[in-house]
């Protein structure tokens, strides 16, 4: 299985700001600032009726302020499905965000699941 670059997935999260069935209270469980292994900070927030992710600090200044996911629909108590934007190549990936305690895991795939990658972040605040 081929893997996507780590930043590709993490910073790879955006934009299917489609109408979601998630209420802001549901997305709130993941809300806050998350730390990536590369030192980047990502804010999880209510966006487009679902979960959104935005880069607030990064070793690559051009990525700061970029929304990498918006409107992810909640599929279970601590899991959301949406479209992830790869800030490295501009590609969009189908992906999941899963909350487990103080960890937020992202996983995304292209080509019907043939090429996948994942990344786990830790809670800052």
N, C-alpha and C. Protein backbone atom coordinates (compact mmCIF):
# COMPACT_ATOMS: atom_id res chain seq x y z
N UNK A 1 0.84 -1.18 0.00
CA UNK A 1 0.00 0.00 0.00
C UNK A 1 0.89 1.24 0.00
N UNK A 2 0.62 2.18 -0.89
CA UNK A 2 1.37 3.42 -0.97
C UNK A 2 0.82 4.39 0.07
N UNK A 3 1.70 5.14 0.72
CA UNK A 3 1.25 6.10 1.74
C UNK A 3 1.45 7.52 1.25
N UNK A 4 0.51 8.38 1.64
CA UNK A 4 0.60 9.80 1.35
C UNK A 4 1.59 10.44 2.30
N UNK A 5 2.22 11.54 1.93
CA UNK A 5 3.09 12.25 2.87
C UNK A 5 2.27 12.65 4.10
N UNK A 6 2.91 12.65 5.29
CA UNK A 6 2.20 12.97 6.52
C UNK A 6 1.50 14.33 6.43
N UNK A 7 2.18 15.35 5.93
CA UNK A 7 1.55 16.66 5.89
C UNK A 7 0.44 16.67 4.87
N UNK A 8 0.57 15.80 3.87
CA UNK A 8 -0.44 15.73 2.84
C UNK A 8 -1.79 15.44 3.46
N UNK A 9 -1.83 14.52 4.39
CA UNK A 9 -3.10 14.18 4.97
C UNK A 9 -3.53 15.19 6.02
N UNK A 10 -2.63 15.52 6.90
CA UNK A 10 -3.00 16.42 7.97
C UNK A 10 -3.36 17.76 7.43
N UNK A 11 -2.51 18.28 6.64
CA UNK A 11 -2.79 19.57 6.08
C UNK A 11 -3.67 19.34 4.89
N UNK A 12 -4.08 18.18 4.79
CA UNK A 12 -4.87 17.72 3.70
C UNK A 12 -6.29 17.64 4.05
N UNK A 13 -6.82 18.58 4.55
CA UNK A 13 -8.17 18.38 4.95
C UNK A 13 -9.05 19.52 4.56
N UNK A 14 -9.81 19.54 3.56
CA UNK A 14 -10.65 20.69 3.49
C UNK A 14 -11.94 20.41 2.89
N UNK A 15 -12.50 21.01 2.68
CA UNK A 15 -13.52 21.68 2.08
C UNK A 15 -14.78 21.10 1.60
N UNK A 16 -15.26 20.13 1.91
CA UNK A 16 -16.59 19.76 1.47
C UNK A 16 -17.55 20.41 2.42
N UNK A 17 -17.71 21.65 2.27
CA UNK A 17 -18.61 22.38 3.17
C UNK A 17 -20.04 22.07 2.76
N UNK A 18 -20.35 20.83 2.67
CA UNK A 18 -21.68 20.38 2.31
C UNK A 18 -22.58 20.48 3.53
N UNK A 19 -23.85 20.44 3.30
CA UNK A 19 -24.78 20.46 4.41
C UNK A 19 -24.59 19.19 5.22
N UNK A 20 -24.44 19.37 6.52
CA UNK A 20 -24.20 18.21 7.38
C UNK A 20 -25.33 18.06 8.38
N UNK A 21 -25.51 16.84 8.86
CA UNK A 21 -26.55 16.59 9.85
C UNK A 21 -26.03 16.76 11.27
N UNK A 22 -24.80 17.16 11.43
CA UNK A 22 -24.20 17.33 12.74
C UNK A 22 -24.59 18.70 13.29
N UNK A 23 -24.99 18.72 14.53
CA UNK A 23 -25.25 20.00 15.16
C UNK A 23 -23.96 20.51 15.76
N UNK A 24 -23.82 21.81 15.99
CA UNK A 24 -22.59 22.32 16.58
C UNK A 24 -22.22 21.62 17.88
N UNK A 25 -23.20 21.21 18.68
CA UNK A 25 -22.88 20.54 19.94
C UNK A 25 -22.17 19.22 19.68
N UNK A 26 -22.50 18.52 18.59
CA UNK A 26 -21.86 17.24 18.29
C UNK A 26 -20.39 17.44 17.90
N UNK A 27 -20.10 18.43 17.10
CA UNK A 27 -18.74 18.68 16.67
C UNK A 27 -17.88 19.22 17.80
N UNK A 28 -18.50 19.81 18.81
CA UNK A 28 -17.78 20.44 19.91
C UNK A 28 -16.84 19.49 20.64
N UNK A 29 -17.12 18.21 20.68
CA UNK A 29 -16.27 17.26 21.39
C UNK A 29 -14.83 17.32 20.89
N UNK A 30 -14.62 17.55 19.62
CA UNK A 30 -13.28 17.61 19.05
C UNK A 30 -12.72 19.03 19.01
N UNK A 31 -13.54 20.03 19.31
CA UNK A 31 -13.10 21.42 19.21
C UNK A 31 -11.91 21.70 20.13
N UNK A 32 -11.01 22.54 19.64
CA UNK A 32 -9.83 22.92 20.39
C UNK A 32 -8.63 22.96 19.48
N UNK A 33 -7.46 23.11 20.05
CA UNK A 33 -6.22 23.18 19.27
C UNK A 33 -5.45 21.87 19.43
N UNK A 34 -4.99 21.35 18.31
CA UNK A 34 -4.31 20.05 18.24
C UNK A 34 -2.89 20.23 17.72
N UNK A 35 -1.97 19.45 18.27
CA UNK A 35 -0.55 19.52 17.90
C UNK A 35 -0.19 18.35 17.00
N UNK A 36 0.41 18.67 15.86
CA UNK A 36 0.92 17.65 14.94
C UNK A 36 2.37 17.33 15.28
N UNK A 37 2.86 16.22 14.81
CA UNK A 37 4.24 15.80 15.09
C UNK A 37 5.27 16.76 14.50
N UNK A 38 4.91 17.52 13.48
CA UNK A 38 5.84 18.47 12.87
C UNK A 38 5.81 19.84 13.55
N UNK A 39 5.06 19.96 14.65
CA UNK A 39 4.98 21.21 15.39
C UNK A 39 3.84 22.11 14.96
N UNK A 40 3.12 21.76 13.91
CA UNK A 40 1.98 22.57 13.46
C UNK A 40 0.83 22.48 14.46
N UNK A 41 0.05 23.55 14.54
CA UNK A 41 -1.15 23.57 15.37
C UNK A 41 -2.35 23.65 14.43
N UNK A 42 -3.38 22.86 14.74
CA UNK A 42 -4.60 22.85 13.93
C UNK A 42 -5.78 23.06 14.86
N UNK A 43 -6.64 24.02 14.50
CA UNK A 43 -7.82 24.32 15.28
C UNK A 43 -8.99 23.51 14.73
N UNK A 44 -9.65 22.75 15.61
CA UNK A 44 -10.89 22.05 15.26
C UNK A 44 -12.03 22.94 15.73
N UNK A 45 -13.01 23.20 14.86
CA UNK A 45 -14.08 24.13 15.17
C UNK A 45 -15.34 23.75 14.40
N UNK A 46 -16.47 24.37 14.78
CA UNK A 46 -17.73 24.16 14.07
C UNK A 46 -17.66 24.91 12.75
N UNK A 47 -17.91 24.20 11.66
CA UNK A 47 -17.79 24.80 10.33
C UNK A 47 -18.84 24.20 9.40
N UNK A 48 -19.65 25.03 8.80
CA UNK A 48 -20.61 24.56 7.83
C UNK A 48 -21.55 23.49 8.35
N UNK A 49 -21.90 23.56 9.63
CA UNK A 49 -22.79 22.58 10.22
C UNK A 49 -22.12 21.28 10.62
N UNK A 50 -20.80 21.23 10.58
CA UNK A 50 -20.06 20.02 10.96
C UNK A 50 -18.71 20.39 11.54
N UNK A 51 -17.78 19.49 11.44
CA UNK A 51 -16.44 19.69 11.97
C UNK A 51 -15.53 20.34 10.94
N UNK A 52 -14.77 21.33 11.37
CA UNK A 52 -13.79 21.98 10.50
C UNK A 52 -12.41 21.92 11.12
N UNK A 53 -11.39 22.02 10.29
CA UNK A 53 -10.00 22.04 10.74
C UNK A 53 -9.26 23.15 10.01
N UNK A 54 -8.50 23.95 10.76
CA UNK A 54 -7.76 25.07 10.17
C UNK A 54 -6.37 25.13 10.78
N UNK A 55 -5.35 25.32 9.96
CA UNK A 55 -3.97 25.44 10.41
C UNK A 55 -3.80 26.82 11.05
N UNK A 56 -3.34 26.85 12.32
CA UNK A 56 -3.14 28.13 13.00
C UNK A 56 -1.66 28.43 13.24
N UNK A 57 -0.82 27.41 13.14
CA UNK A 57 0.63 27.59 13.29
C UNK A 57 1.28 26.46 12.49
N UNK A 58 2.35 26.79 11.77
CA UNK A 58 3.01 25.78 10.95
C UNK A 58 4.45 26.17 10.68
N UNK A 59 5.34 25.17 10.51
CA UNK A 59 6.70 25.46 10.08
C UNK A 59 6.71 26.09 8.68
N UNK A 60 5.63 25.92 7.94
CA UNK A 60 5.50 26.51 6.61
C UNK A 60 4.47 27.63 6.68
N UNK A 61 4.94 28.86 6.73
CA UNK A 61 4.09 30.03 6.94
C UNK A 61 2.93 30.13 5.95
N UNK A 62 3.12 29.68 4.72
CA UNK A 62 2.07 29.77 3.71
C UNK A 62 0.85 28.92 4.05
N UNK A 63 0.99 27.97 4.96
CA UNK A 63 -0.13 27.09 5.32
C UNK A 63 -0.96 27.63 6.47
N UNK A 64 -0.45 28.62 7.19
CA UNK A 64 -1.17 29.20 8.32
C UNK A 64 -2.43 29.89 7.81
N UNK A 65 -3.55 29.60 8.47
CA UNK A 65 -4.82 30.20 8.11
C UNK A 65 -5.62 29.39 7.09
N UNK A 66 -5.05 28.32 6.58
CA UNK A 66 -5.73 27.50 5.57
C UNK A 66 -6.70 26.53 6.25
N UNK A 67 -7.92 26.48 5.72
CA UNK A 67 -8.91 25.52 6.19
C UNK A 67 -8.70 24.23 5.41
N UNK A 68 -8.54 23.14 6.13
CA UNK A 68 -8.27 21.88 5.46
C UNK A 68 -9.47 20.92 5.54
N UNK A 69 -10.48 21.29 6.30
CA UNK A 69 -11.73 20.53 6.34
C UNK A 69 -12.84 21.45 6.81
N UNK A 70 -14.03 21.27 6.26
CA UNK A 70 -15.20 22.02 6.72
C UNK A 70 -16.44 21.19 6.44
N UNK A 71 -17.31 21.12 7.42
CA UNK A 71 -18.59 20.44 7.24
C UNK A 71 -18.53 18.93 7.32
N UNK A 72 -17.51 18.37 7.98
CA UNK A 72 -17.44 16.91 8.11
C UNK A 72 -18.64 16.42 8.91
N UNK A 73 -19.29 15.38 8.41
CA UNK A 73 -20.50 14.84 9.03
C UNK A 73 -20.14 13.81 10.09
N UNK A 74 -20.84 13.89 11.20
CA UNK A 74 -20.61 12.93 12.28
C UNK A 74 -21.23 11.59 11.88
N UNK A 75 -20.42 10.51 11.99
CA UNK A 75 -20.89 9.18 11.63
C UNK A 75 -21.12 8.30 12.85
N UNK A 76 -20.51 8.66 13.97
CA UNK A 76 -20.74 7.98 15.26
C UNK A 76 -20.32 8.95 16.36
N UNK A 77 -20.36 8.49 17.60
CA UNK A 77 -20.12 9.39 18.74
C UNK A 77 -18.87 10.24 18.62
N UNK A 78 -17.76 9.69 18.18
CA UNK A 78 -16.50 10.44 18.11
C UNK A 78 -15.82 10.29 16.76
N UNK A 79 -16.61 10.21 15.69
CA UNK A 79 -16.04 10.03 14.36
C UNK A 79 -16.80 10.88 13.35
N UNK A 80 -16.02 11.54 12.46
CA UNK A 80 -16.58 12.39 11.43
C UNK A 80 -16.02 11.99 10.07
N UNK A 81 -16.82 12.13 9.03
CA UNK A 81 -16.38 11.82 7.67
C UNK A 81 -16.51 13.09 6.84
N UNK A 82 -15.48 13.36 6.04
CA UNK A 82 -15.51 14.55 5.19
C UNK A 82 -14.43 14.50 4.14
N UNK A 83 -14.23 15.64 3.52
CA UNK A 83 -13.21 15.77 2.49
C UNK A 83 -12.02 16.51 3.08
N UNK A 84 -10.83 15.95 2.89
CA UNK A 84 -9.59 16.53 3.39
C UNK A 84 -8.84 17.16 2.24
N UNK A 85 -8.33 18.36 2.43
CA UNK A 85 -7.54 19.04 1.41
C UNK A 85 -6.07 18.89 1.74
N UNK A 86 -5.31 18.40 0.78
CA UNK A 86 -3.86 18.28 0.92
C UNK A 86 -3.26 19.63 0.54
N UNK A 87 -2.71 20.33 1.51
CA UNK A 87 -2.14 21.65 1.24
C UNK A 87 -0.84 21.57 0.46
N UNK A 88 -0.24 20.40 0.39
CA UNK A 88 1.00 20.23 -0.37
C UNK A 88 0.74 20.14 -1.87
N UNK A 89 -0.31 19.41 -2.27
CA UNK A 89 -0.54 19.23 -3.70
C UNK A 89 -1.92 19.70 -4.19
N UNK A 90 -2.75 20.20 -3.28
CA UNK A 90 -4.07 20.70 -3.67
C UNK A 90 -5.10 19.60 -3.93
N UNK A 91 -4.73 18.34 -3.72
CA UNK A 91 -5.65 17.22 -3.94
C UNK A 91 -6.62 17.11 -2.77
N UNK A 92 -7.81 16.58 -3.05
CA UNK A 92 -8.81 16.32 -2.02
C UNK A 92 -8.93 14.82 -1.82
N UNK A 93 -9.11 14.43 -0.56
CA UNK A 93 -9.19 13.03 -0.18
C UNK A 93 -10.42 12.79 0.68
N UNK A 94 -11.03 11.64 0.55
CA UNK A 94 -12.10 11.22 1.43
C UNK A 94 -11.45 10.77 2.72
N UNK A 95 -11.96 11.23 3.86
CA UNK A 95 -11.29 10.85 5.09
C UNK A 95 -12.16 10.87 6.32
N UNK A 96 -11.57 10.38 7.40
CA UNK A 96 -12.23 10.33 8.70
C UNK A 96 -11.38 11.03 9.75
N UNK A 97 -12.07 11.62 10.72
CA UNK A 97 -11.45 12.20 11.91
C UNK A 97 -12.04 11.44 13.09
N UNK A 98 -11.17 10.89 13.95
CA UNK A 98 -11.63 10.11 15.09
C UNK A 98 -11.04 10.68 16.37
N UNK A 99 -11.90 10.97 17.34
CA UNK A 99 -11.49 11.49 18.63
C UNK A 99 -11.41 10.34 19.63
N UNK A 100 -10.27 10.25 20.32
CA UNK A 100 -10.09 9.23 21.35
C UNK A 100 -9.31 9.86 22.50
N UNK A 101 -10.01 10.28 23.55
CA UNK A 101 -9.36 10.95 24.67
C UNK A 101 -8.69 12.23 24.24
N UNK A 102 -7.37 12.33 24.44
CA UNK A 102 -6.62 13.53 24.05
C UNK A 102 -5.91 13.34 22.72
N UNK A 103 -6.42 12.44 21.88
CA UNK A 103 -5.84 12.20 20.55
C UNK A 103 -6.91 12.39 19.48
N UNK A 104 -6.49 12.96 18.38
CA UNK A 104 -7.36 13.13 17.22
C UNK A 104 -6.64 12.48 16.05
N UNK A 105 -7.24 11.45 15.47
CA UNK A 105 -6.61 10.74 14.36
C UNK A 105 -7.31 11.08 13.07
N UNK A 106 -6.52 11.28 12.03
CA UNK A 106 -7.06 11.53 10.70
C UNK A 106 -6.60 10.41 9.79
N UNK A 107 -7.50 9.96 8.94
CA UNK A 107 -7.12 8.97 7.95
C UNK A 107 -7.82 9.36 6.65
N UNK A 108 -7.10 9.23 5.56
CA UNK A 108 -7.65 9.61 4.27
C UNK A 108 -7.18 8.69 3.18
N UNK A 109 -8.03 8.53 2.16
CA UNK A 109 -7.72 7.63 1.06
C UNK A 109 -8.14 8.25 -0.27
N UNK A 110 -7.48 7.80 -1.32
CA UNK A 110 -7.86 8.15 -2.69
C UNK A 110 -7.95 6.85 -3.48
N UNK A 111 -8.45 6.94 -4.68
CA UNK A 111 -8.56 5.79 -5.58
C UNK A 111 -9.32 4.64 -4.93
N UNK A 112 -10.46 4.97 -4.32
CA UNK A 112 -11.30 3.95 -3.72
C UNK A 112 -10.64 3.20 -2.58
N UNK A 113 -9.71 3.83 -1.89
CA UNK A 113 -9.05 3.20 -0.75
C UNK A 113 -7.74 2.51 -1.08
N UNK A 114 -7.27 2.65 -2.31
CA UNK A 114 -6.00 2.02 -2.69
C UNK A 114 -4.79 2.71 -2.09
N UNK A 115 -4.88 4.03 -1.94
CA UNK A 115 -3.77 4.81 -1.38
C UNK A 115 -4.31 5.51 -0.14
N UNK A 116 -3.76 5.18 1.03
CA UNK A 116 -4.26 5.72 2.29
C UNK A 116 -3.11 6.21 3.17
N UNK A 117 -3.44 7.10 4.09
CA UNK A 117 -2.47 7.60 5.05
C UNK A 117 -3.23 8.00 6.31
N UNK A 118 -2.51 8.07 7.42
CA UNK A 118 -3.13 8.52 8.66
C UNK A 118 -2.12 9.31 9.48
N UNK A 119 -2.64 10.09 10.42
CA UNK A 119 -1.81 10.90 11.29
C UNK A 119 -2.59 11.08 12.60
N UNK A 120 -1.89 11.09 13.73
CA UNK A 120 -2.54 11.28 15.02
C UNK A 120 -1.97 12.52 15.69
N UNK A 121 -2.86 13.36 16.19
CA UNK A 121 -2.48 14.63 16.83
C UNK A 121 -2.81 14.55 18.31
N UNK A 122 -2.14 15.39 19.12
CA UNK A 122 -2.42 15.45 20.55
C UNK A 122 -3.06 16.80 20.89
N UNK A 123 -3.90 16.77 21.90
CA UNK A 123 -4.65 17.97 22.32
C UNK A 123 -3.74 18.98 23.01
N UNK A 124 -3.80 20.24 22.56
CA UNK A 124 -3.07 21.33 23.21
C UNK A 124 -3.98 22.06 24.17
N UNK A 125 -5.15 22.47 23.68
CA UNK A 125 -6.12 23.19 24.53
C UNK A 125 -7.47 23.14 23.91
